[in-house]
Amino acid sequence: MGALKYVLYLLSLSFIIGLIIYLIWNNDPNPEKRHVAKNCLLIAFLGIVLNIVCWGALAMGGLMFAY
């Protein structure tokens, strides 16, 4: 499970992939896989928030130079 969970965390920045990992691994009897699944879902939501913040900062920066 070592390096695989870090690869899954990185892939979870895409919301769809994080959601798929969560849906598949959340029902597994292995508690470590359920923990990774919940973390992937959390990272997916954080990726959405980070995306919105970055695009907002980019838009505000563009407006600042327009005047």
PDB file of N, CA and C in Angstrom:
ATOM      1  N   MET A   1       0.823  -1.194   0.000  1.00  0.00           N
ATOM      2  CA  MET A   1       0.000   0.000   0.000  1.00  0.00           C
ATOM      3  C   MET A   1       0.862   1.251   0.000  1.00  0.00           C
ATOM      4  N   GLY A   2       2.141   1.135   0.312  1.00  0.00           N
ATOM      5  CA  GLY A   2       3.060   2.251   0.508  1.00  0.00           C
ATOM      6  C   GLY A   2       2.962   3.375  -0.498  1.00  0.00           C
ATOM      7  N   ALA A   3       3.603   3.203  -1.653  1.00  0.00           N
ATOM      8  CA  ALA A   3       3.671   4.285  -2.629  1.00  0.00           C
ATOM      9  C   ALA A   3       2.349   4.460  -3.380  1.00  0.00           C
ATOM     10  N   LEU A   4       1.543   3.415  -3.430  1.00  0.00           N
ATOM     11  CA  LEU A   4       0.278   3.493  -4.165  1.00  0.00           C
ATOM     12  C   LEU A   4      -0.641   4.554  -3.589  1.00  0.00           C
ATOM     13  N   LYS A   5      -0.687   4.685  -2.275  1.00  0.00           N
ATOM     14  CA  LYS A   5      -1.599   5.664  -1.694  1.00  0.00           C
ATOM     15  C   LYS A   5      -1.171   7.082  -2.042  1.00  0.00           C
ATOM     16  N   TYR A   6       0.132   7.331  -2.167  1.00  0.00           N
ATOM     17  CA  TYR A   6       0.580   8.673  -2.549  1.00  0.00           C
ATOM     18  C   TYR A   6       0.251   8.979  -4.006  1.00  0.00           C
ATOM     19  N   VAL A   7       0.320   7.976  -4.861  1.00  0.00           N
ATOM     20  CA  VAL A   7      -0.085   8.155  -6.262  1.00  0.00           C
ATOM     21  C   VAL A   7      -1.582   8.444  -6.330  1.00  0.00           C
ATOM     22  N   LEU A   8      -2.369   7.716  -5.527  1.00  0.00           N
ATOM     23  CA  LEU A   8      -3.809   7.943  -5.508  1.00  0.00           C
ATOM     24  C   LEU A   8      -4.146   9.328  -4.956  1.00  0.00           C
ATOM     25  N   TYR A   9      -3.393   9.774  -3.953  1.00  0.00           N
ATOM     26  CA  TYR A   9      -3.607  11.126  -3.420  1.00  0.00           C
ATOM     27  C   TYR A   9      -3.333  12.169  -4.496  1.00  0.00           C
ATOM     28  N   LEU A  10      -2.279  11.971  -5.261  1.00  0.00           N
ATOM     29  CA  LEU A  10      -1.950  12.909  -6.321  1.00  0.00           C
ATOM     30  C   LEU A  10      -3.017  12.903  -7.416  1.00  0.00           C
ATOM     31  N   LEU A  11      -3.495  11.723  -7.768  1.00  0.00           N
ATOM     32  CA  LEU A  11      -4.540  11.621  -8.789  1.00  0.00           C
ATOM     33  C   LEU A  11      -5.868  12.189  -8.297  1.00  0.00           C
ATOM     34  N   SER A  12      -6.053  12.228  -6.991  1.00  0.00           N
ATOM     35  CA  SER A  12      -7.316  12.694  -6.429  1.00  0.00           C
ATOM     36  C   SER A  12      -7.509  14.194  -6.563  1.00  0.00           C
ATOM     37  N   LEU A  13      -6.491  14.914  -6.977  1.00  0.00           N
ATOM     38  CA  LEU A  13      -6.681  16.342  -7.216  1.00  0.00           C
ATOM     39  C   LEU A  13      -7.708  16.571  -8.318  1.00  0.00           C
ATOM     40  N   SER A  14      -7.870  15.591  -9.180  1.00  0.00           N
ATOM     41  CA  SER A  14      -8.975  15.615 -10.137  1.00  0.00           C
ATOM     42  C   SER A  14     -10.202  15.051  -9.420  1.00  0.00           C
ATOM     43  N   PHE A  15     -11.267  15.822  -9.360  1.00  0.00           N
ATOM     44  CA  PHE A  15     -12.428  15.451  -8.559  1.00  0.00           C
ATOM     45  C   PHE A  15     -13.027  14.114  -8.980  1.00  0.00           C
ATOM     46  N   ILE A  16     -13.125  13.878 -10.268  1.00  0.00           N
ATOM     47  CA  ILE A  16     -13.752  12.644 -10.759  1.00  0.00           C
ATOM     48  C   ILE A  16     -12.966  11.421 -10.298  1.00  0.00           C
ATOM     49  N   ILE A  17     -11.646  11.478 -10.399  1.00  0.00           N
ATOM     50  CA  ILE A  17     -10.830  10.334  -9.997  1.00  0.00           C
ATOM     51  C   ILE A  17     -10.913  10.121  -8.490  1.00  0.00           C
ATOM     52  N   GLY A  18     -10.878  11.199  -7.721  1.00  0.00           N
ATOM     53  CA  GLY A  18     -11.012  11.080  -6.272  1.00  0.00           C
ATOM     54  C   GLY A  18     -12.340  10.482  -5.861  1.00  0.00           C
ATOM     55  N   LEU A  19     -13.399  10.870  -6.551  1.00  0.00           N
ATOM     56  CA  LEU A  19     -14.724  10.334  -6.256  1.00  0.00           C
ATOM     57  C   LEU A  19     -14.804   8.847  -6.616  1.00  0.00           C
ATOM     58  N   ILE A  20     -14.224   8.460  -7.733  1.00  0.00           N
ATOM     59  CA  ILE A  20     -14.225   7.054  -8.135  1.00  0.00           C
ATOM     60  C   ILE A  20     -13.447   6.204  -7.134  1.00  0.00           C
ATOM     61  N   ILE A  21     -12.270   6.697  -6.707  1.00  0.00           N
ATOM     62  CA  ILE A  21     -11.493   5.960  -5.710  1.00  0.00           C
ATOM     63  C   ILE A  21     -12.294   5.812  -4.433  1.00  0.00           C
ATOM     64  N   TYR A  22     -12.973   6.870  -4.015  1.00  0.00           N
ATOM     65  CA  TYR A  22     -13.782   6.806  -2.795  1.00  0.00           C
ATOM     66  C   TYR A  22     -14.901   5.778  -2.931  1.00  0.00           C
ATOM     67  N   LEU A  23     -15.608   5.805  -4.045  1.00  0.00           N
ATOM     68  CA  LEU A  23     -16.734   4.889  -4.218  1.00  0.00           C
ATOM     69  C   LEU A  23     -16.289   3.426  -4.276  1.00  0.00           C
ATOM     70  N   ILE A  24     -15.121   3.175  -4.842  1.00  0.00           N
ATOM     71  CA  ILE A  24     -14.653   1.801  -4.960  1.00  0.00           C
ATOM     72  C   ILE A  24     -14.070   1.290  -3.640  1.00  0.00           C
ATOM     73  N   TRP A  25     -13.249   2.091  -2.974  1.00  0.00           N
ATOM     74  CA  TRP A  25     -12.509   1.611  -1.815  1.00  0.00           C
ATOM     75  C   TRP A  25     -13.209   1.837  -0.491  1.00  0.00           C
ATOM     76  N   ASN A  26     -14.268   2.608  -0.440  1.00  0.00           N
ATOM     77  CA  ASN A  26     -14.925   2.880   0.838  1.00  0.00           C
ATOM     78  C   ASN A  26     -15.626   1.648   1.407  1.00  0.00           C
ATOM     79  N   ASN A  27     -16.053   0.733   0.567  1.00  0.00           N
ATOM     80  CA  ASN A  27     -16.756  -0.460   1.037  1.00  0.00           C
ATOM     81  C   ASN A  27     -15.835  -1.649   1.271  1.00  0.00           C
ATOM     82  N   ASP A  28     -14.543  -1.444   1.162  1.00  0.00           N
ATOM     83  CA  ASP A  28     -13.573  -2.528   1.369  1.00  0.00           C
ATOM     84  C   ASP A  28     -13.451  -2.849   2.858  1.00  0.00           C
ATOM     85  N   PRO A  29     -13.324  -4.123   3.209  1.00  0.00           N
ATOM     86  CA  PRO A  29     -13.202  -4.470   4.637  1.00  0.00           C
ATOM     87  C   PRO A  29     -11.874  -4.028   5.261  1.00  0.00           C
ATOM     88  N   ASN A  30     -10.865  -3.756   4.440  1.00  0.00           N
ATOM     89  CA  ASN A  30      -9.564  -3.309   4.939  1.00  0.00           C
ATOM     90  C   ASN A  30      -9.679  -1.864   5.432  1.00  0.00           C
ATOM     91  N   PRO A  31      -9.422  -1.598   6.718  1.00  0.00           N
ATOM     92  CA  PRO A  31      -9.578  -0.231   7.232  1.00  0.00           C
ATOM     93  C   PRO A  31      -8.581   0.757   6.635  1.00  0.00           C
ATOM     94  N   GLU A  32      -7.406   0.280   6.216  1.00  0.00           N
ATOM     95  CA  GLU A  32      -6.432   1.191   5.604  1.00  0.00           C
ATOM     96  C   GLU A  32      -6.937   1.701   4.253  1.00  0.00           C
ATOM     97  N   LYS A  33      -7.585   0.816   3.488  1.00  0.00           N
ATOM     98  CA  LYS A  33      -8.145   1.244   2.203  1.00  0.00           C
ATOM     99  C   LYS A  33      -9.300   2.223   2.410  1.00  0.00           C
ATOM    100  N   ARG A  34     -10.117   2.013   3.436  1.00  0.00           N
ATOM    101  CA  ARG A  34     -11.205   2.958   3.718  1.00  0.00           C
ATOM    102  C   ARG A  34     -10.647   4.316   4.124  1.00  0.00           C
ATOM    103  N   HIS A  35      -9.551   4.312   4.875  1.00  0.00           N
ATOM    104  CA  HIS A  35      -8.918   5.567   5.271  1.00  0.00           C
ATOM    105  C   HIS A  35      -8.371   6.307   4.050  1.00  0.00           C
ATOM    106  N   VAL A  36      -7.728   5.590   3.146  1.00  0.00           N
ATOM    107  CA  VAL A  36      -7.214   6.187   1.911  1.00  0.00           C
ATOM    108  C   VAL A  36      -8.372   6.721   1.068  1.00  0.00           C
ATOM    109  N   ALA A  37      -9.483   5.995   1.028  1.00  0.00           N
ATOM    110  CA  ALA A  37     -10.643   6.434   0.249  1.00  0.00           C
ATOM    111  C   ALA A  37     -11.186   7.749   0.787  1.00  0.00           C
ATOM    112  N   LYS A  38     -11.293   7.873   2.096  1.00  0.00           N
ATOM    113  CA  LYS A  38     -11.796   9.124   2.682  1.00  0.00           C
ATOM    114  C   LYS A  38     -10.825  10.271   2.446  1.00  0.00           C
ATOM    115  N   ASN A  39      -9.529   9.989   2.530  1.00  0.00           N
ATOM    116  CA  ASN A  39      -8.544  11.029   2.245  1.00  0.00           C
ATOM    117  C   ASN A  39      -8.595  11.469   0.784  1.00  0.00           C
ATOM    118  N   CYS A  40      -8.819  10.524  -0.122  1.00  0.00           N
ATOM    119  CA  CYS A  40      -8.925  10.867  -1.546  1.00  0.00           C
ATOM    120  C   CYS A  40     -10.127  11.772  -1.801  1.00  0.00           C
ATOM    121  N   LEU A  41     -11.235  11.499  -1.133  1.00  0.00           N
ATOM    122  CA  LEU A  41     -12.408  12.352  -1.299  1.00  0.00           C
ATOM    123  C   LEU A  41     -12.136  13.752  -0.745  1.00  0.00           C
ATOM    124  N   LEU A  42     -11.477  13.823   0.396  1.00  0.00           N
ATOM    125  CA  LEU A  42     -11.129  15.114   0.981  1.00  0.00           C
ATOM    126  C   LEU A  42     -10.194  15.895   0.062  1.00  0.00           C
ATOM    127  N   ILE A  43      -9.192  15.231  -0.485  1.00  0.00           N
ATOM    128  CA  ILE A  43      -8.257  15.885  -1.404  1.00  0.00           C
ATOM    129  C   ILE A  43      -8.978  16.343  -2.664  1.00  0.00           C
ATOM    130  N   ALA A  44      -9.956  15.572  -3.131  1.00  0.00           N
ATOM    131  CA  ALA A  44     -10.717  15.966  -4.322  1.00  0.00           C
ATOM    132  C   ALA A  44     -11.475  17.269  -4.060  1.00  0.00           C
ATOM    133  N   PHE A  45     -12.109  17.386  -2.894  1.00  0.00           N
ATOM    134  CA  PHE A  45     -12.819  18.623  -2.569  1.00  0.00           C
ATOM    135  C   PHE A  45     -11.852  19.790  -2.368  1.00  0.00           C
ATOM    136  N   LEU A  46     -10.711  19.523  -1.746  1.00  0.00           N
ATOM    137  CA  LEU A  46      -9.709  20.573  -1.588  1.00  0.00           C
ATOM    138  C   LEU A  46      -9.150  21.016  -2.938  1.00  0.00           C
ATOM    139  N   GLY A  47      -9.059  20.078  -3.875  1.00  0.00           N
ATOM    140  CA  GLY A  47      -8.620  20.429  -5.225  1.00  0.00           C
ATOM    141  C   GLY A  47      -9.592  21.372  -5.912  1.00  0.00           C
ATOM    142  N   ILE A  48     -10.892  21.174  -5.686  1.00  0.00           N
ATOM    143  CA  ILE A  48     -11.892  22.077  -6.257  1.00  0.00           C
ATOM    144  C   ILE A  48     -11.748  23.469  -5.654  1.00  0.00           C
ATOM    145  N   VAL A  49     -11.607  23.526  -4.336  1.00  0.00           N
ATOM    146  CA  VAL A  49     -11.453  24.823  -3.662  1.00  0.00           C
ATOM    147  C   VAL A  49     -10.185  25.527  -4.137  1.00  0.00           C
ATOM    148  N   LEU A  50      -9.092  24.795  -4.235  1.00  0.00           N
ATOM    149  CA  LEU A  50      -7.843  25.377  -4.705  1.00  0.00           C
ATOM    150  C   LEU A  50      -7.971  25.882  -6.137  1.00  0.00           C
ATOM    151  N   ASN A  51      -8.676  25.150  -6.962  1.00  0.00           N
ATOM    152  CA  ASN A  51      -8.901  25.567  -8.341  1.00  0.00           C
ATOM    153  C   ASN A  51      -9.694  26.878  -8.390  1.00  0.00           C
ATOM    154  N   ILE A  52     -10.731  26.989  -7.589  1.00  0.00           N
ATOM    155  CA  ILE A  52     -11.540  28.205  -7.563  1.00  0.00           C
ATOM    156  C   ILE A  52     -10.717  29.394  -7.063  1.00  0.00           C
ATOM    157  N   VAL A  53      -9.928  29.171  -6.018  1.00  0.00           N
ATOM    158  CA  VAL A  53      -9.099  30.249  -5.470  1.00  0.00           C
ATOM    159  C   VAL A  53      -8.065  30.709  -6.494  1.00  0.00           C
ATOM    160  N   CYS A  54      -7.424  29.776  -7.170  1.00  0.00           N
ATOM    161  CA  CYS A  54      -6.413  30.149  -8.159  1.00  0.00           C
ATOM    162  C   CYS A  54      -7.018  30.899  -9.337  1.00  0.00           C
ATOM    163  N   TRP A  55      -8.157  30.431  -9.827  1.00  0.00           N
ATOM    164  CA  TRP A  55      -8.799  31.139 -10.943  1.00  0.00           C
ATOM    165  C   TRP A  55      -9.290  32.516 -10.503  1.00  0.00           C
ATOM    166  N   GLY A  56      -9.776  32.620  -9.273  1.00  0.00           N
ATOM    167  CA  GLY A  56     -10.200  33.928  -8.757  1.00  0.00           C
ATOM    168  C   GLY A  56      -9.033  34.886  -8.633  1.00  0.00           C
ATOM    169  N   ALA A  57      -7.892  34.380  -8.147  1.00  0.00           N
ATOM    170  CA  ALA A  57      -6.702  35.226  -8.029  1.00  0.00           C
ATOM    171  C   ALA A  57      -6.210  35.639  -9.407  1.00  0.00           C
ATOM    172  N   LEU A  58      -6.290  34.746 -10.356  1.00  0.00           N
ATOM    173  CA  LEU A  58      -5.875  35.075 -11.716  1.00  0.00           C
ATOM    174  C   LEU A  58      -6.784  36.137 -12.311  1.00  0.00           C
ATOM    175  N   ALA A  59      -8.072  36.012 -12.074  1.00  0.00           N
ATOM    176  CA  ALA A  59      -9.024  37.001 -12.593  1.00  0.00           C
ATOM    177  C   ALA A  59      -8.829  38.356 -11.925  1.00  0.00           C
ATOM    178  N   MET A  60      -8.596  38.350 -10.621  1.00  0.00           N
ATOM    179  CA  MET A  60      -8.373  39.627  -9.920  1.00  0.00           C
ATOM    180  C   MET A  60      -7.085  40.278 -10.375  1.00  0.00           C
ATOM    181  N   GLY A  61      -6.069  39.482 -10.634  1.00  0.00           N
ATOM    182  CA  GLY A  61      -4.817  40.029 -11.132  1.00  0.00           C
ATOM    183  C   GLY A  61      -4.984  40.633 -12.516  1.00  0.00           C
ATOM    184  N   GLY A  62      -5.784  40.004 -13.341  1.00  0.00           N
ATOM    185  CA  GLY A  62      -6.050  40.549 -14.669  1.00  0.00           C
ATOM    186  C   GLY A  62      -6.842  41.829 -14.609  1.00  0.00           C
ATOM    187  N   LEU A  63      -7.773  41.935 -13.665  1.00  0.00           N
ATOM    188  CA  LEU A  63      -8.530  43.162 -13.499  1.00  0.00           C
ATOM    189  C   LEU A  63      -7.662  44.294 -12.970  1.00  0.00           C
ATOM    190  N   MET A  64      -6.689  43.955 -12.151  1.00  0.00           N
ATOM    191  CA  MET A  64      -5.827  44.970 -11.563  1.00  0.00           C
ATOM    192  C   MET A  64      -4.997  45.654 -12.635  1.00  0.00           C
ATOM    193  N   PHE A  65      -4.578  44.907 -13.644  1.00  0.00           N
ATOM    194  CA  PHE A  65      -3.762  45.497 -14.708  1.00  0.00           C
ATOM    195  C   PHE A  65      -4.606  46.126 -15.812  1.00  0.00           C
ATOM    196  N   ALA A  66      -5.914  45.976 -15.762  1.00  0.00           N
ATOM    197  CA  ALA A  66      -6.769  46.525 -16.811  1.00  0.00           C
ATOM    198  C   ALA A  66      -6.964  48.033 -16.645  1.00  0.00           C
ATOM    199  N   TYR A  67      -6.757  48.544 -15.451  1.00  0.00           N
ATOM    200  CA  TYR A  67      -7.014  49.981 -15.208  1.00  0.00           C
ATOM    201  C   TYR A  67      -5.755  50.759 -15.074  1.00  0.00           C
TER     202      TYR A  67
END
